[in-house]
Amino acid sequence: MGQPAERESGERASGGAARFELPPGQRLQKGWPVTHYGPVPRFRPERWEFRVFGATADGEKHCWNHEEFTALPHTTVEADLHCVTKFSMVGAEWGGIPARTVVDIAPPAPDVTHVMVWAEYGFSSNLRLADFTSERALFATHKDGELLTAEHGFPLRLIVPHLYAWKGPKWVRGVEYMTADRRGFWEERGYHNVGDPWKEQRYSYQEEPGEGPEL
Protein backbone atom coordinates (compact mmCIF):
# COMPACT_ATOMS: atom_id res chain seq x y z
CA MET A 1 0.00 0.00 0.00
CA GLY A 2 1.22 3.50 -0.77
CA GLN A 3 1.63 6.38 1.64
CA PRO A 4 -1.35 8.65 2.31
CA ALA A 5 -1.34 11.85 0.32
CA GLU A 6 -1.60 15.29 1.91
CA ARG A 7 -5.07 16.31 3.06
CA GLU A 8 -7.02 18.54 0.71
CA SER A 9 -9.28 19.83 3.48
CA GLY A 10 -6.93 22.48 4.82
CA GLU A 11 -6.25 20.89 8.20
CA ARG A 12 -3.48 22.72 10.01
CA ALA A 13 -1.74 22.06 13.29
CA SER A 14 -1.30 24.88 15.79
CA GLY A 15 0.09 24.12 19.21
CA GLY A 16 -0.74 20.44 18.71
CA ALA A 17 -4.43 21.08 17.87
CA ALA A 18 -6.03 20.34 14.54
CA ARG A 19 -8.26 22.84 12.75
CA PHE A 20 -10.48 21.79 9.90
CA GLU A 21 -11.52 24.01 7.04
CA LEU A 22 -14.84 22.88 5.64
CA PRO A 23 -16.49 23.96 2.38
CA PRO A 24 -19.22 26.59 2.73
CA GLY A 25 -22.48 25.33 4.18
CA GLN A 26 -20.98 22.07 5.49
CA ARG A 27 -20.97 20.75 9.07
CA LEU A 28 -18.55 18.32 10.68
CA GLN A 29 -19.97 14.80 10.94
CA LYS A 30 -18.90 12.20 13.48
CA GLY A 31 -19.28 8.72 12.06
CA TRP A 32 -20.37 7.88 8.54
CA PRO A 33 -24.10 8.08 7.77
CA VAL A 34 -25.52 5.72 5.18
CA THR A 35 -27.02 7.70 2.28
CA HIS A 36 -28.10 6.28 -1.05
CA TYR A 37 -31.04 5.92 -3.38
CA GLY A 38 -32.63 2.49 -3.72
CA PRO A 39 -31.71 -0.90 -2.19
CA VAL A 40 -28.26 -2.24 -1.37
CA PRO A 41 -27.26 -4.63 -4.17
CA ARG A 42 -26.20 -8.17 -3.44
CA PHE A 43 -22.58 -8.84 -4.40
CA ARG A 44 -22.18 -11.93 -6.59
CA PRO A 45 -18.43 -12.29 -7.28
CA GLU A 46 -18.93 -14.86 -10.03
CA ARG A 47 -21.07 -12.35 -11.98
CA TRP A 48 -19.20 -9.16 -11.13
CA GLU A 49 -17.41 -7.41 -13.99
CA PHE A 50 -15.78 -4.00 -14.34
CA ARG A 51 -15.95 -2.53 -17.86
CA VAL A 52 -14.28 0.37 -19.63
CA PHE A 53 -16.08 1.14 -22.86
CA GLY A 54 -17.22 3.95 -25.15
CA ALA A 55 -14.57 6.04 -26.93
CA THR A 56 -11.51 3.98 -25.98
CA ALA A 57 -8.24 4.59 -27.79
CA ASP A 58 -8.27 1.15 -29.40
CA GLY A 59 -12.02 1.02 -30.00
CA GLU A 60 -12.34 -2.05 -27.78
CA LYS A 61 -14.18 -2.77 -24.53
CA HIS A 62 -11.91 -3.69 -21.60
CA CYS A 63 -13.17 -5.97 -18.83
CA TRP A 64 -11.92 -7.32 -15.51
CA ASN A 65 -13.54 -9.80 -13.15
CA HIS A 66 -13.46 -9.06 -9.43
CA GLU A 67 -10.24 -10.97 -8.77
CA GLU A 68 -8.46 -9.31 -11.68
CA PHE A 69 -9.61 -5.79 -10.84
CA THR A 70 -8.77 -5.95 -7.14
CA ALA A 71 -5.31 -7.31 -8.07
CA LEU A 72 -4.44 -4.01 -9.78
CA PRO A 73 -1.92 -1.81 -7.93
CA HIS A 74 -3.38 -0.25 -4.77
CA THR A 75 -2.61 2.97 -2.99
CA THR A 76 -4.05 4.98 -0.09
CA VAL A 77 -5.35 8.53 -0.04
CA GLU A 78 -6.22 10.49 3.09
CA ALA A 79 -9.15 12.69 2.17
CA ASP A 80 -12.42 14.15 3.35
CA LEU A 81 -15.87 13.30 2.05
CA HIS A 82 -18.33 16.15 1.53
CA CYS A 83 -21.98 15.18 1.08
CA VAL A 84 -24.37 17.56 -0.69
CA THR A 85 -26.77 17.00 2.25
CA LYS A 86 -24.28 19.24 4.13
CA PHE A 87 -22.28 16.85 6.28
CA SER A 88 -18.53 16.43 5.94
CA MET A 89 -16.52 13.44 7.19
CA VAL A 90 -12.86 14.40 7.57
CA GLY A 91 -9.59 12.54 7.73
CA ALA A 92 -10.61 9.18 6.29
CA GLU A 93 -7.97 6.93 4.77
CA TRP A 94 -9.21 5.36 1.56
CA GLY A 95 -7.52 2.36 -0.03
CA GLY A 96 -8.03 1.17 -3.57
CA ILE A 97 -7.10 1.45 -7.22
CA PRO A 98 -6.28 4.91 -8.60
CA ALA A 99 -8.57 5.99 -11.42
CA ARG A 100 -5.43 6.94 -13.33
CA THR A 101 -4.36 3.28 -13.29
CA VAL A 102 -7.53 2.30 -15.14
CA VAL A 103 -6.98 5.12 -17.64
CA ASP A 104 -3.37 4.05 -18.19
CA ILE A 105 -4.36 0.44 -18.88
CA ALA A 106 -7.39 1.29 -21.00
CA PRO A 107 -6.74 4.80 -22.36
CA PRO A 108 -9.41 7.03 -23.86
CA ALA A 109 -9.44 8.31 -27.40
CA PRO A 110 -7.79 11.74 -27.86
CA ASP A 111 -11.13 13.56 -28.17
CA VAL A 112 -12.62 12.25 -24.90
CA THR A 113 -13.62 15.08 -22.57
CA HIS A 114 -15.84 13.37 -19.98
CA VAL A 115 -16.62 10.02 -18.44
CA MET A 116 -19.82 8.45 -17.19
CA VAL A 117 -19.27 6.24 -14.17
CA TRP A 118 -21.83 3.44 -14.10
CA ALA A 119 -22.97 1.58 -11.00
CA GLU A 120 -25.50 -1.07 -10.02
CA TYR A 121 -29.17 -0.59 -11.04
CA GLY A 122 -28.11 1.68 -13.91
CA PHE A 123 -27.03 4.52 -11.61
CA SER A 124 -24.63 6.94 -13.28
CA SER A 125 -22.54 10.04 -12.58
CA ASN A 126 -20.79 12.19 -15.17
CA LEU A 127 -17.36 13.71 -14.58
CA ARG A 128 -14.96 15.84 -16.54
CA LEU A 129 -12.00 13.71 -17.63
CA ALA A 130 -9.67 16.02 -15.70
CA ASP A 131 -11.61 15.37 -12.48
CA PHE A 132 -11.67 11.62 -13.06
CA THR A 133 -7.91 11.48 -13.69
CA SER A 134 -6.96 13.75 -10.77
CA GLU A 135 -4.22 12.45 -8.46
CA ARG A 136 -6.61 11.62 -5.63
CA ALA A 137 -9.48 9.99 -7.51
CA LEU A 138 -9.68 6.40 -6.33
CA PHE A 139 -11.79 3.30 -6.82
CA ALA A 140 -12.01 2.55 -3.12
CA THR A 141 -12.20 -0.94 -1.68
CA HIS A 142 -11.23 -0.01 1.90
CA LYS A 143 -11.76 2.77 4.44
CA ASP A 144 -9.35 3.13 7.36
CA GLY A 145 -7.84 -0.25 6.60
CA GLU A 146 -11.15 -2.14 6.59
CA LEU A 147 -13.13 -3.44 3.64
CA LEU A 148 -16.06 -1.24 2.74
CA THR A 149 -19.39 -2.48 4.02
CA ALA A 150 -22.16 -3.23 1.55
CA GLU A 151 -24.09 -0.15 2.73
CA HIS A 152 -21.08 2.05 1.99
CA GLY A 153 -20.39 0.67 -1.48
CA PHE A 154 -18.65 -2.71 -1.26
CA PRO A 155 -17.05 -4.03 -3.38
CA LEU A 156 -16.14 -0.73 -5.10
CA ARG A 157 -16.97 2.94 -4.87
CA LEU A 158 -15.39 5.96 -6.51
CA ILE A 159 -13.87 8.65 -4.31
CA VAL A 160 -13.23 12.06 -5.91
CA PRO A 161 -12.26 14.16 -2.86
CA HIS A 162 -12.45 17.59 -4.47
CA LEU A 163 -16.10 17.10 -5.55
CA TYR A 164 -19.32 16.38 -3.66
CA ALA A 165 -19.68 12.73 -2.71
CA TRP A 166 -22.55 11.98 -5.13
CA LYS A 167 -20.08 12.40 -8.01
CA GLY A 168 -18.39 9.22 -6.76
CA PRO A 169 -21.00 6.44 -6.91
CA LYS A 170 -21.18 3.36 -4.72
CA TRP A 171 -21.21 -0.14 -6.26
CA VAL A 172 -19.33 0.94 -9.39
CA ARG A 173 -19.34 -1.44 -12.36
CA GLY A 174 -17.74 0.51 -15.17
CA VAL A 175 -16.62 3.67 -16.91
CA GLU A 176 -17.80 5.02 -20.26
CA TYR A 177 -15.51 7.40 -22.14
CA MET A 178 -17.44 10.23 -23.80
CA THR A 179 -16.54 12.82 -26.43
CA ALA A 180 -19.34 15.12 -25.22
CA ASP A 181 -20.84 15.67 -21.80
CA ARG A 182 -24.23 14.38 -20.70
CA ARG A 183 -25.87 14.35 -17.29
CA GLY A 184 -25.90 11.39 -14.92
CA PHE A 185 -28.64 10.22 -12.55
CA TRP A 186 -28.62 13.05 -10.00
CA GLU A 187 -27.53 15.64 -12.54
CA GLU A 188 -30.72 14.91 -14.51
CA ARG A 189 -32.70 15.47 -11.30
CA GLY A 190 -31.54 18.99 -10.57
CA TYR A 191 -28.05 18.64 -9.11
CA HIS A 192 -25.08 20.63 -10.37
CA ASN A 193 -23.22 19.18 -13.32
CA VAL A 194 -19.77 19.79 -11.78
CA GLY A 195 -20.35 19.60 -8.01
CA ASP A 196 -17.42 21.52 -6.50
CA PRO A 197 -18.13 21.85 -2.74
CA TRP A 198 -15.72 24.75 -2.32
CA LYS A 199 -17.83 26.74 -4.80
CA GLU A 200 -21.01 25.27 -3.22
CA GLN A 201 -22.16 23.95 -6.59
CA ARG A 202 -25.17 22.01 -5.31
CA TYR A 203 -27.96 22.57 -7.86
CA SER A 204 -28.28 22.91 -11.61
CA TYR A 205 -29.81 26.40 -11.41
CA GLN A 206 -26.40 27.59 -10.14
CA GLU A 207 -24.59 26.47 -13.28
CA GLU A 208 -22.62 29.04 -15.22
CA PRO A 209 -22.22 28.92 -19.01
CA GLY A 210 -19.95 26.02 -19.94
CA GLU A 211 -20.58 24.03 -16.74
CA GLY A 212 -23.37 21.91 -18.23
CA PRO A 213 -23.77 19.86 -21.42
CA GLU A 214 -24.43 21.78 -24.61
CA LEU A 215 -28.09 21.66 -25.56
C-alpha atoms as a PDB file:
ATOM      1  CA  MET A   1       0.000   0.000   0.000  1.00  0.00           C
ATOM      2  CA  GLY A   2       1.221   3.496  -0.769  1.00  0.00           C
ATOM      3  CA  GLN A   3       1.625   6.377   1.637  1.00  0.00           C
ATOM      4  CA  PRO A   4      -1.353   8.652   2.310  1.00  0.00           C
ATOM      5  CA  ALA A   5      -1.337  11.855   0.318  1.00  0.00           C
ATOM      6  CA  GLU A   6      -1.604  15.289   1.906  1.00  0.00           C
ATOM      7  CA  ARG A   7      -5.068  16.306   3.060  1.00  0.00           C
ATOM      8  CA  GLU A   8      -7.020  18.544   0.706  1.00  0.00           C
ATOM      9  CA  SER A   9      -9.281  19.825   3.478  1.00  0.00           C
ATOM     10  CA  GLY A  10      -6.933  22.484   4.824  1.00  0.00           C
ATOM     11  CA  GLU A  11      -6.245  20.887   8.200  1.00  0.00           C
ATOM     12  CA  ARG A  12      -3.483  22.718  10.012  1.00  0.00           C
ATOM     13  CA  ALA A  13      -1.735  22.057  13.292  1.00  0.00           C
ATOM     14  CA  SER A  14      -1.305  24.884  15.790  1.00  0.00           C
ATOM     15  CA  GLY A  15       0.086  24.117  19.209  1.00  0.00           C
ATOM     16  CA  GLY A  16      -0.740  20.442  18.709  1.00  0.00           C
ATOM     17  CA  ALA A  17      -4.428  21.077  17.873  1.00  0.00           C
ATOM     18  CA  ALA A  18      -6.034  20.336  14.541  1.00  0.00           C
ATOM     19  CA  ARG A  19      -8.256  22.841  12.755  1.00  0.00           C
ATOM     20  CA  PHE A  20     -10.479  21.786   9.898  1.00  0.00           C
ATOM     21  CA  GLU A  21     -11.521  24.006   7.042  1.00  0.00           C
ATOM     22  CA  LEU A  22     -14.844  22.880   5.638  1.00  0.00           C
ATOM     23  CA  PRO A  23     -16.486  23.958   2.383  1.00  0.00           C
ATOM     24  CA  PRO A  24     -19.219  26.593   2.727  1.00  0.00           C
ATOM     25  CA  GLY A  25     -22.479  25.333   4.177  1.00  0.00           C
ATOM     26  CA  GLN A  26     -20.978  22.071   5.490  1.00  0.00           C
ATOM     27  CA  ARG A  27     -20.969  20.746   9.074  1.00  0.00           C
ATOM     28  CA  LEU A  28     -18.546  18.316  10.680  1.00  0.00           C
ATOM     29  CA  GLN A  29     -19.969  14.801  10.945  1.00  0.00           C
ATOM     30  CA  LYS A  30     -18.901  12.196  13.481  1.00  0.00           C
ATOM     31  CA  GLY A  31     -19.282   8.723  12.063  1.00  0.00           C
ATOM     32  CA  TRP A  32     -20.367   7.879   8.544  1.00  0.00           C
ATOM     33  CA  PRO A  33     -24.099   8.076   7.771  1.00  0.00           C
ATOM     34  CA  VAL A  34     -25.525   5.720   5.176  1.00  0.00           C
ATOM     35  CA  THR A  35     -27.021   7.705   2.285  1.00  0.00           C
ATOM     36  CA  HIS A  36     -28.100   6.280  -1.050  1.00  0.00           C
ATOM     37  CA  TYR A  37     -31.041   5.922  -3.385  1.00  0.00           C
ATOM     38  CA  GLY A  38     -32.629   2.491  -3.717  1.00  0.00           C
ATOM     39  CA  PRO A  39     -31.714  -0.895  -2.195  1.00  0.00           C
ATOM     40  CA  VAL A  40     -28.263  -2.237  -1.375  1.00  0.00           C
ATOM     41  CA  PRO A  41     -27.265  -4.632  -4.174  1.00  0.00           C
ATOM     42  CA  ARG A  42     -26.197  -8.172  -3.436  1.00  0.00           C
ATOM     43  CA  PHE A  43     -22.582  -8.842  -4.404  1.00  0.00           C
ATOM     44  CA  ARG A  44     -22.180 -11.928  -6.590  1.00  0.00           C
ATOM     45  CA  PRO A  45     -18.434 -12.292  -7.279  1.00  0.00           C
ATOM     46  CA  GLU A  46     -18.930 -14.856 -10.035  1.00  0.00           C
ATOM     47  CA  ARG A  47     -21.066 -12.347 -11.983  1.00  0.00           C
ATOM     48  CA  TRP A  48     -19.205  -9.157 -11.134  1.00  0.00           C
ATOM     49  CA  GLU A  49     -17.410  -7.408 -13.988  1.00  0.00           C
ATOM     50  CA  PHE A  50     -15.776  -3.997 -14.340  1.00  0.00           C
ATOM     51  CA  ARG A  51     -15.954  -2.527 -17.857  1.00  0.00           C
ATOM     52  CA  VAL A  52     -14.278   0.367 -19.627  1.00  0.00           C
ATOM     53  CA  PHE A  53     -16.082   1.141 -22.859  1.00  0.00           C
ATOM     54  CA  GLY A  54     -17.216   3.953 -25.148  1.00  0.00           C
ATOM     55  CA  ALA A  55     -14.574   6.040 -26.925  1.00  0.00           C
ATOM     56  CA  THR A  56     -11.515   3.978 -25.983  1.00  0.00           C
ATOM     57  CA  ALA A  57      -8.240   4.594 -27.791  1.00  0.00           C
ATOM     58  CA  ASP A  58      -8.272   1.150 -29.401  1.00  0.00           C
ATOM     59  CA  GLY A  59     -12.022   1.022 -29.998  1.00  0.00           C
ATOM     60  CA  GLU A  60     -12.337  -2.051 -27.782  1.00  0.00           C
ATOM     61  CA  LYS A  61     -14.176  -2.765 -24.528  1.00  0.00           C
ATOM     62  CA  HIS A  62     -11.906  -3.686 -21.602  1.00  0.00           C
ATOM     63  CA  CYS A  63     -13.173  -5.974 -18.827  1.00  0.00           C
ATOM     64  CA  TRP A  64     -11.919  -7.323 -15.512  1.00  0.00           C
ATOM     65  CA  ASN A  65     -13.540  -9.805 -13.151  1.00  0.00           C
ATOM     66  CA  HIS A  66     -13.457  -9.064  -9.426  1.00  0.00           C
ATOM     67  CA  GLU A  67     -10.244 -10.968  -8.768  1.00  0.00           C
ATOM     68  CA  GLU A  68      -8.464  -9.305 -11.677  1.00  0.00           C
ATOM     69  CA  PHE A  69      -9.613  -5.790 -10.839  1.00  0.00           C
ATOM     70  CA  THR A  70      -8.766  -5.947  -7.142  1.00  0.00           C
ATOM     71  CA  ALA A  71      -5.315  -7.310  -8.067  1.00  0.00           C
ATOM     72  CA  LEU A  72      -4.439  -4.008  -9.784  1.00  0.00           C
ATOM     73  CA  PRO A  73      -1.916  -1.806  -7.930  1.00  0.00           C
ATOM     74  CA  HIS A  74      -3.380  -0.253  -4.774  1.00  0.00           C
ATOM     75  CA  THR A  75      -2.615   2.975  -2.990  1.00  0.00           C
ATOM     76  CA  THR A  76      -4.047   4.975  -0.090  1.00  0.00           C
ATOM     77  CA  VAL A  77      -5.354   8.530  -0.043  1.00  0.00           C
ATOM     78  CA  GLU A  78      -6.215  10.486   3.090  1.00  0.00           C
ATOM     79  CA  ALA A  79      -9.148  12.688   2.171  1.00  0.00           C
ATOM     80  CA  ASP A  80     -12.424  14.154   3.349  1.00  0.00           C
ATOM     81  CA  LEU A  81     -15.872  13.298   2.046  1.00  0.00           C
ATOM     82  CA  HIS A  82     -18.331  16.152   1.526  1.00  0.00           C
ATOM     83  CA  CYS A  83     -21.979  15.184   1.078  1.00  0.00           C
ATOM     84  CA  VAL A  84     -24.371  17.563  -0.692  1.00  0.00           C
ATOM     85  CA  THR A  85     -26.765  17.004   2.252  1.00  0.00           C
ATOM     86  CA  LYS A  86     -24.279  19.241   4.134  1.00  0.00           C
ATOM     87  CA  PHE A  87     -22.277  16.850   6.277  1.00  0.00           C
ATOM     88  CA  SER A  88     -18.527  16.427   5.936  1.00  0.00           C
ATOM     89  CA  MET A  89     -16.515  13.444   7.194  1.00  0.00           C
ATOM     90  CA  VAL A  90     -12.864  14.402   7.571  1.00  0.00           C
ATOM     91  CA  GLY A  91      -9.587  12.540   7.732  1.00  0.00           C
ATOM     92  CA  ALA A  92     -10.610   9.175   6.294  1.00  0.00           C
ATOM     93  CA  GLU A  93      -7.969   6.926   4.767  1.00  0.00           C
ATOM     94  CA  TRP A  94      -9.213   5.360   1.557  1.00  0.00           C
ATOM     95  CA  GLY A  95      -7.522   2.359  -0.033  1.00  0.00           C
ATOM     96  CA  GLY A  96      -8.031   1.171  -3.570  1.00  0.00           C
ATOM     97  CA  ILE A  97      -7.095   1.448  -7.218  1.00  0.00           C
ATOM     98  CA  PRO A  98      -6.284   4.915  -8.597  1.00  0.00           C
ATOM     99  CA  ALA A  99      -8.569   5.995 -11.420  1.00  0.00           C
ATOM    100  CA  ARG A 100      -5.433   6.940 -13.326  1.00  0.00           C
ATOM    101  CA  THR A 101      -4.360   3.283 -13.291  1.00  0.00           C
ATOM    102  CA  VAL A 102      -7.529   2.300 -15.144  1.00  0.00           C
ATOM    103  CA  VAL A 103      -6.984   5.121 -17.643  1.00  0.00           C
ATOM    104  CA  ASP A 104      -3.371   4.054 -18.194  1.00  0.00           C
ATOM    105  CA  ILE A 105      -4.364   0.440 -18.875  1.00  0.00           C
ATOM    106  CA  ALA A 106      -7.393   1.290 -21.004  1.00  0.00           C
ATOM    107  CA  PRO A 107      -6.736   4.799 -22.356  1.00  0.00           C
ATOM    108  CA  PRO A 108      -9.411   7.028 -23.860  1.00  0.00           C
ATOM    109  CA  ALA A 109      -9.438   8.311 -27.404  1.00  0.00           C
ATOM    110  CA  PRO A 110      -7.789  11.738 -27.859  1.00  0.00           C
ATOM    111  CA  ASP A 111     -11.132  13.557 -28.171  1.00  0.00           C
ATOM    112  CA  VAL A 112     -12.624  12.247 -24.904  1.00  0.00           C
ATOM    113  CA  THR A 113     -13.620  15.085 -22.571  1.00  0.00           C
ATOM    114  CA  HIS A 114     -15.843  13.366 -19.977  1.00  0.00           C
ATOM    115  CA  VAL A 115     -16.619  10.016 -18.442  1.00  0.00           C
ATOM    116  CA  MET A 116     -19.817   8.448 -17.195  1.00  0.00           C
ATOM    117  CA  VAL A 117     -19.269   6.242 -14.168  1.00  0.00           C
ATOM    118  CA  TRP A 118     -21.829   3.441 -14.104  1.00  0.00           C
ATOM    119  CA  ALA A 119     -22.967   1.578 -10.996  1.00  0.00           C
ATOM    120  CA  GLU A 120     -25.504  -1.068 -10.019  1.00  0.00           C
ATOM    121  CA  TYR A 121     -29.167  -0.590 -11.038  1.00  0.00           C
ATOM    122  CA  GLY A 122     -28.110   1.680 -13.909  1.00  0.00           C
ATOM    123  CA  PHE A 123     -27.033   4.522 -11.611  1.00  0.00           C
ATOM    124  CA  SER A 124     -24.628   6.944 -13.276  1.00  0.00           C
ATOM    125  CA  SER A 125     -22.545  10.040 -12.579  1.00  0.00           C
ATOM    126  CA  ASN A 126     -20.790  12.187 -15.169  1.00  0.00           C
ATOM    127  CA  LEU A 127     -17.359  13.713 -14.583  1.00  0.00           C
ATOM    128  CA  ARG A 128     -14.961  15.845 -16.544  1.00  0.00           C
ATOM    129  CA  LEU A 129     -11.997  13.709 -17.628  1.00  0.00           C
ATOM    130  CA  ALA A 130      -9.668  16.020 -15.701  1.00  0.00           C
ATOM    131  CA  ASP A 131     -11.607  15.374 -12.477  1.00  0.00           C
ATOM    132  CA  PHE A 132     -11.672  11.621 -13.057  1.00  0.00           C
ATOM    133  CA  THR A 133      -7.910  11.485 -13.686  1.00  0.00           C
ATOM    134  CA  SER A 134      -6.962  13.752 -10.771  1.00  0.00           C
ATOM    135  CA  GLU A 135      -4.221  12.447  -8.459  1.00  0.00           C
ATOM    136  CA  ARG A 136      -6.610  11.623  -5.633  1.00  0.00           C
ATOM    137  CA  ALA A 137      -9.485   9.989  -7.513  1.00  0.00           C
ATOM    138  CA  LEU A 138      -9.679   6.402  -6.329  1.00  0.00           C
ATOM    139  CA  PHE A 139     -11.786   3.296  -6.818  1.00  0.00           C
ATOM    140  CA  ALA A 140     -12.006   2.546  -3.122  1.00  0.00           C
ATOM    141  CA  THR A 141     -12.198  -0.942  -1.676  1.00  0.00           C
ATOM    142  CA  HIS A 142     -11.234  -0.011   1.896  1.00  0.00           C
ATOM    143  CA  LYS A 143     -11.760   2.767   4.436  1.00  0.00           C
ATOM    144  CA  ASP A 144      -9.352   3.131   7.364  1.00  0.00           C
ATOM    145  CA  GLY A 145      -7.840  -0.249   6.596  1.00  0.00           C
ATOM    146  CA  GLU A 146     -11.145  -2.140   6.591  1.00  0.00           C
ATOM    147  CA  LEU A 147     -13.128  -3.440   3.644  1.00  0.00           C
ATOM    148  CA  LEU A 148     -16.062  -1.238   2.740  1.00  0.00           C
ATOM    149  CA  THR A 149     -19.393  -2.477   4.021  1.00  0.00           C
ATOM    150  CA  ALA A 150     -22.161  -3.230   1.549  1.00  0.00           C
ATOM    151  CA  GLU A 151     -24.092  -0.151   2.726  1.00  0.00           C
ATOM    152  CA  HIS A 152     -21.078   2.053   1.986  1.00  0.00           C
ATOM    153  CA  GLY A 153     -20.393   0.670  -1.477  1.00  0.00           C
ATOM    154  CA  PHE A 154     -18.647  -2.711  -1.262  1.00  0.00           C
ATOM    155  CA  PRO A 155     -17.053  -4.029  -3.381  1.00  0.00           C
ATOM    156  CA  LEU A 156     -16.144  -0.732  -5.105  1.00  0.00           C
ATOM    157  CA  ARG A 157     -16.966   2.940  -4.866  1.00  0.00           C
ATOM    158  CA  LEU A 158     -15.394   5.955  -6.509  1.00  0.00           C
ATOM    159  CA  ILE A 159     -13.868   8.648  -4.309  1.00  0.00           C
ATOM    160  CA  VAL A 160     -13.228  12.065  -5.908  1.00  0.00           C
ATOM    161  CA  PRO A 161     -12.263  14.155  -2.856  1.00  0.00           C
ATOM    162  CA  HIS A 162     -12.452  17.595  -4.470  1.00  0.00           C
ATOM    163  CA  LEU A 163     -16.100  17.095  -5.553  1.00  0.00           C
ATOM    164  CA  TYR A 164     -19.315  16.383  -3.661  1.00  0.00           C
ATOM    165  CA  ALA A 165     -19.680  12.726  -2.713  1.00  0.00           C
ATOM    166  CA  TRP A 166     -22.546  11.981  -5.133  1.00  0.00           C
ATOM    167  CA  LYS A 167     -20.079  12.396  -8.009  1.00  0.00           C
ATOM    168  CA  GLY A 168     -18.385   9.215  -6.757  1.00  0.00           C
ATOM    169  CA  PRO A 169     -20.998   6.438  -6.912  1.00  0.00           C
ATOM    170  CA  LYS A 170     -21.182   3.357  -4.722  1.00  0.00           C
ATOM    171  CA  TRP A 171     -21.212  -0.143  -6.264  1.00  0.00           C
ATOM    172  CA  VAL A 172     -19.325   0.938  -9.392  1.00  0.00           C
ATOM    173  CA  ARG A 173     -19.342  -1.435 -12.361  1.00  0.00           C
ATOM    174  CA  GLY A 174     -17.735   0.513 -15.165  1.00  0.00           C
ATOM    175  CA  VAL A 175     -16.618   3.671 -16.912  1.00  0.00           C
ATOM    176  CA  GLU A 176     -17.796   5.019 -20.256  1.00  0.00           C
ATOM    177  CA  TYR A 177     -15.512   7.403 -22.141  1.00  0.00           C
ATOM    178  CA  MET A 178     -17.445  10.233 -23.804  1.00  0.00           C
ATOM    179  CA  THR A 179     -16.542  12.820 -26.433  1.00  0.00           C
ATOM    180  CA  ALA A 180     -19.343  15.116 -25.219  1.00  0.00           C
ATOM    181  CA  ASP A 181     -20.841  15.667 -21.799  1.00  0.00           C
ATOM    182  CA  ARG A 182     -24.228  14.377 -20.700  1.00  0.00           C
ATOM    183  CA  ARG A 183     -25.871  14.354 -17.290  1.00  0.00           C
ATOM    184  CA  GLY A 184     -25.903  11.395 -14.924  1.00  0.00           C
ATOM    185  CA  PHE A 185     -28.638  10.222 -12.550  1.00  0.00           C
ATOM    186  CA  TRP A 186     -28.621  13.055 -10.000  1.00  0.00           C
ATOM    187  CA  GLU A 187     -27.535  15.643 -12.536  1.00  0.00           C
ATOM    188  CA  GLU A 188     -30.722  14.909 -14.506  1.00  0.00           C
ATOM    189  CA  ARG A 189     -32.695  15.465 -11.297  1.00  0.00           C
ATOM    190  CA  GLY A 190     -31.538  18.994 -10.569  1.00  0.00           C
ATOM    191  CA  TYR A 191     -28.055  18.640  -9.113  1.00  0.00           C
ATOM    192  CA  HIS A 192     -25.084  20.631 -10.368  1.00  0.00           C
ATOM    193  CA  ASN A 193     -23.224  19.182 -13.325  1.00  0.00           C
ATOM    194  CA  VAL A 194     -19.774  19.793 -11.779  1.00  0.00           C
ATOM    195  CA  GLY A 195     -20.347  19.598  -8.013  1.00  0.00           C
ATOM    196  CA  ASP A 196     -17.419  21.518  -6.495  1.00  0.00           C
ATOM    197  CA  PRO A 197     -18.131  21.846  -2.739  1.00  0.00           C
ATOM    198  CA  TRP A 198     -15.717  24.752  -2.324  1.00  0.00           C
ATOM    199  CA  LYS A 199     -17.834  26.737  -4.800  1.00  0.00           C
ATOM    200  CA  GLU A 200     -21.010  25.269  -3.224  1.00  0.00           C
ATOM    201  CA  GLN A 201     -22.161  23.949  -6.588  1.00  0.00           C
ATOM    202  CA  ARG A 202     -25.170  22.015  -5.313  1.00  0.00           C
ATOM    203  CA  TYR A 203     -27.955  22.573  -7.857  1.00  0.00           C
ATOM    204  CA  SER A 204     -28.277  22.912 -11.611  1.00  0.00           C
ATOM    205  CA  TYR A 205     -29.810  26.404 -11.406  1.00  0.00           C
ATOM    206  CA  GLN A 206     -26.399  27.586 -10.137  1.00  0.00           C
ATOM    207  CA  GLU A 207     -24.585  26.470 -13.284  1.00  0.00           C
ATOM    208  CA  GLU A 208     -22.624  29.042 -15.217  1.00  0.00           C
ATOM    209  CA  PRO A 209     -22.217  28.916 -19.008  1.00  0.00           C
ATOM    210  CA  GLY A 210     -19.948  26.017 -19.938  1.00  0.00           C
ATOM    211  CA  GLU A 211     -20.581  24.034 -16.741  1.00  0.00           C
ATOM    212  CA  GLY A 212     -23.366  21.908 -18.232  1.00  0.00           C
ATOM    213  CA  PRO A 213     -23.768  19.862 -21.421  1.00  0.00           C
ATOM    214  CA  GLU A 214     -24.427  21.775 -24.605  1.00  0.00           C
ATOM    215  CA  LEU A 215     -28.091  21.660 -25.556  1.00  0.00           C
END
